């Protein structure tokens, strides 16, 4: 055997070398393009052009590119739906609808006129070709994800508008295709619309229920990932079954699973990682392999057709974004962001040209000829380049502006301490910290395990290290750093207090104590000692279902809570939690506190979906039993003795929670309090306790006695 006998046959057909070459492109293209300041997306498309059959013919666009390309295309649309802030979408649904309609109507009108007058095409050809100008694909969406501005208003409007525009475009495609399949008679149009509406309603109704059922029963990350991917392809397949393109079903699947997959969850990180690392680059490389530069510049009217197509597509989208900006008084940067995202042509454009190319007219010609086919790939290349450059520039500017605003806010650096002592509650506590933390801050989570000083067994220390490792695995899968601390102390409360003071902790999360004996208290000695020795915000939590399956957050707010030092902080935490989970936050407060809540939320957290209900009698939480369901989270804003909002009715709180809300997930929150902890001794309070509440009880007793006998 001649070991030096090596012949290179192009294109490469061996699966091992094909996959290796694609991986090398995905790996090295960004490194090279970063130095040239070219967006990664353009690099993937250009790499596809170079290695494709119209370039150096290194690889053929075989079934693997079709398979992975389709997965990547669905992934882009799915992530677009998944990343959307539903609160922002509801607030901006009018703007998104206007942009979507304008982005469809304007290009199709000016495109039809140009196709008839300049290219001399027939009516049906002009309509189908103009619909290609109207469609767009969120090819540049990974850029806004990378800059962390996917929830900016302009991005939400652009993504929502994409759903509207592509739906209308795909309907035109289905209608034109139906004309040449003999399906255009009678009730064809009505039947098509009915099928799409019925299927869309079925997905919206069934997918969240199926997902919630699955996530409550299975917590394995791999199973959850495969399950979500299966739903994406089920939605896409069902849309194709009724005659629409699968991208619409994938986008709809992302939209309805939005609430079940929090933005900062491990599952979300896995979905983004796999898509951005493999499927989406595969799709972009496959798009580049379609481009044939030689044919475009070689013969025929392909260059003229391509020029008209490019000008009409870019001009139509710009006019639509400009009109939307002027109608709603938006900034030029927001117009630039919307234009960048809505310019790229790929998915629906390819679908339309392939359908039109496959339709043979009675005179033997194709509905869309080879000039249009070749012009389309140039249209895809140019619009993807323009879209990527504009989106990159706009996203960077938006990110810089938001970072500047964050720097201007004078606030104490957030540090959240999570006490991990029970292996059954670690996952819930860590997930809670992930949904309330400030995502713009780094290294703001601390996991603590305290080993009792009197217990010197090595088992306790080893067990504590396992707990910390489990906590770190959860945050690492969400791409969040976690500082792990293990310490010996007299007891857990003392360990938490000392660690909080040493590391400048601003918030503490602990699990609800489980009663060991019948005489044991509801919260346990840990909570009581912690509240006495620490004036920081403390969350005592108990979760019966996974956090991502919660459908509503019920917050019971006591009178005078707005005067506490930690009022704004806990409002921010639960607004952030509601926004991340995509669920509604329902506040129950009296008529004095409610306006303060509404003003604060309207000013700073307007994107959160909120409701407000008057709660006149704070002493009787039995009124909330009809409001809190099994899949709701009940939050009780409590207070330390001696604080402004403390009321004697808080003494009945443990009994009420244990009796009426034993089957509910709940959080009891003690807000920040100015001054020293309540167990601090002073000249006026040598015993370290507060008797003000007893005076208040006496005053209320006298008031009721006079009222009764008056």
Foldseek 3Di string as FASTA:
>chain_A
DDPPDDDDDFQDDDPVVVVVVLLVQLPCQVVVVVVVVADSLLSLLQLLQQCFPLHPRNHYCDVVLVVLLVLLQLLQLLVLQQLEQVLLCVVCVVLLQLLLVLLQPQQQVVQLVCCCPPVVADNLLSNLLSLLLSAAGQLQVVLLVVLVNCHPNLNSSLSSSNLSRQVVSQLSLLQSLCVQVVQNDDCSSVQLVVLVVVLLVCLLPPLLVVLLVVQQVDVDLVVNLVVLSVQLVVQLVSCVVSPGGSSSRSNSSSNNCNLLDFCLFLNVLVSVCCSSSGSNSSSSSSLSSQANPCVCPPDDCLVVLLVSSQCSSLVSSLVSLVVSCVVVVHDPLSSLQSSLSRQARDDSSVVSQVSQQPRADPVRATSRHPSNSNSSSVSNSVSNSSSNVSNNVSSVVVSVVVVVVVVPDDDDDAAEEEEFDDLVCLLQRLVLCSQQDDPVDAARYEYEYEDAQVDPDPVSVVVLVVRQVVSQVRSVSSVGGYHYYYYYDNDPLVVVLVVCVVVVHQEYEYEADDDPDPPAFRRGPSVVSNLQADQHKYKYWDAPGHLSSAAEEEEEDFPPLVVFPQSLSVLSRVLSNQSSSVHEYEYEEAPVVVVVSVVSCVVPPSSHHYHYDYDDDSLDCVVCLVVADLRYEYEYEAEDPPDPRHAPSVVCVSVCCVPRVVNHIYMYMYHGHPDGRQQDADPVRNRSHDDVNVVVVVVVVVVVVVVVVD
